[in-house]
Amino acid sequence: MATWSKLRSGVRWLLRRPEPPPPPGTGQRIQAAEQAAARRQLLTDAQAARTTPQHCQPTEIVPTAALGDETTHGRAEG
């Protein structure tokens, strides 16, 4: 029974061990690849924005309340 207990605790210890760390520099390579992909996407978006015609709409003028108009502040006139 003691052998079974030792074997069981050994297996449990092996299963709890964390994954070995990645080789040095792996994170920097991943980050560089992600930055390059983001840079390419930004350049692609900028090129698309330059080739797409701009649609200019006239500015709509919205009338504003006159100064001293108390209804704009949530109070009733009178």
Protein backbone atom coordinates (compact mmCIF):
# COMPACT_ATOMS: atom_id res chain seq x y z
CA MET A 1 0.00 0.00 0.00
CA ALA A 2 2.88 2.38 0.71
CA THR A 3 4.18 1.95 -2.84
CA TRP A 4 0.78 2.83 -4.29
CA SER A 5 0.62 5.95 -2.11
CA LYS A 6 4.10 7.06 -3.19
CA LEU A 7 3.28 6.42 -6.84
CA ARG A 8 0.04 8.36 -6.51
CA SER A 9 1.72 11.34 -4.84
CA GLY A 10 4.46 11.29 -7.51
CA VAL A 11 1.90 11.39 -10.31
CA ARG A 12 0.01 14.20 -8.60
CA TRP A 13 3.27 16.14 -8.24
CA LEU A 14 4.06 15.68 -11.93
CA LEU A 15 0.60 16.84 -12.98
CA ARG A 16 0.86 19.99 -10.84
CA ARG A 17 4.16 21.07 -12.38
CA PRO A 18 3.81 24.19 -14.51
CA GLU A 19 4.64 24.26 -18.18
CA PRO A 20 8.28 25.02 -18.84
CA PRO A 21 8.87 28.66 -19.74
CA PRO A 22 9.23 29.52 -23.42
CA PRO A 23 12.71 30.08 -24.79
CA PRO A 24 14.22 33.53 -24.11
CA GLY A 25 13.15 36.20 -26.58
CA THR A 26 9.90 34.49 -27.56
CA GLY A 27 7.76 37.29 -26.16
CA GLN A 28 9.77 39.92 -28.00
CA ARG A 29 9.40 38.04 -31.28
CA ILE A 30 5.65 37.69 -30.78
CA GLN A 31 5.33 41.38 -29.91
CA ALA A 32 7.37 42.40 -32.96
CA ALA A 33 5.18 40.26 -35.21
CA GLU A 34 1.99 41.75 -33.74
CA GLN A 35 3.36 45.30 -34.16
CA ALA A 36 4.29 44.59 -37.78
CA ALA A 37 0.79 43.23 -38.47
CA ALA A 38 -0.80 46.29 -36.83
CA ARG A 39 1.48 48.61 -38.84
CA ARG A 40 0.49 46.85 -42.09
CA GLN A 41 -3.20 47.15 -41.17
CA LEU A 42 -2.84 50.88 -40.44
CA LEU A 43 -1.08 51.45 -43.76
CA THR A 44 -3.78 49.48 -45.58
CA ASP A 45 -6.53 51.49 -43.87
CA ALA A 46 -4.75 54.77 -44.65
CA GLN A 47 -4.39 53.79 -48.33
CA ALA A 48 -8.08 52.88 -48.49
CA ALA A 49 -9.02 56.21 -46.89
CA ARG A 50 -6.93 58.10 -49.46
CA THR A 51 -8.54 56.33 -52.41
CA THR A 52 -12.12 56.58 -51.13
CA PRO A 53 -13.87 59.79 -52.25
CA GLN A 54 -14.88 62.07 -49.42
CA HIS A 55 -18.59 62.78 -49.10
CA CYS A 56 -19.03 66.34 -47.94
CA GLN A 57 -22.42 67.19 -46.53
CA PRO A 58 -23.47 70.77 -45.80
CA THR A 59 -23.52 71.62 -42.14
CA GLU A 60 -27.02 71.74 -40.71
CA ILE A 61 -27.67 74.80 -38.60
CA VAL A 62 -29.85 73.97 -35.61
CA PRO A 63 -31.62 76.91 -33.97
CA THR A 64 -30.70 77.44 -30.35
CA ALA A 65 -32.81 78.85 -27.56
CA ALA A 66 -32.63 82.60 -26.99
CA LEU A 67 -30.63 83.83 -24.02
CA GLY A 68 -32.76 84.10 -20.93
CA ASP A 69 -35.22 81.43 -22.12
CA GLU A 70 -35.93 79.64 -18.85
CA THR A 71 -37.52 76.58 -20.47
CA THR A 72 -34.09 75.39 -21.59
CA HIS A 73 -33.04 75.03 -17.98
CA GLY A 74 -35.93 72.81 -17.01
CA ARG A 75 -38.02 75.59 -15.49
CA ALA A 76 -41.41 76.66 -16.80
CA GLU A 77 -42.00 80.23 -17.91
CA GLY A 78 -44.18 82.49 -15.88
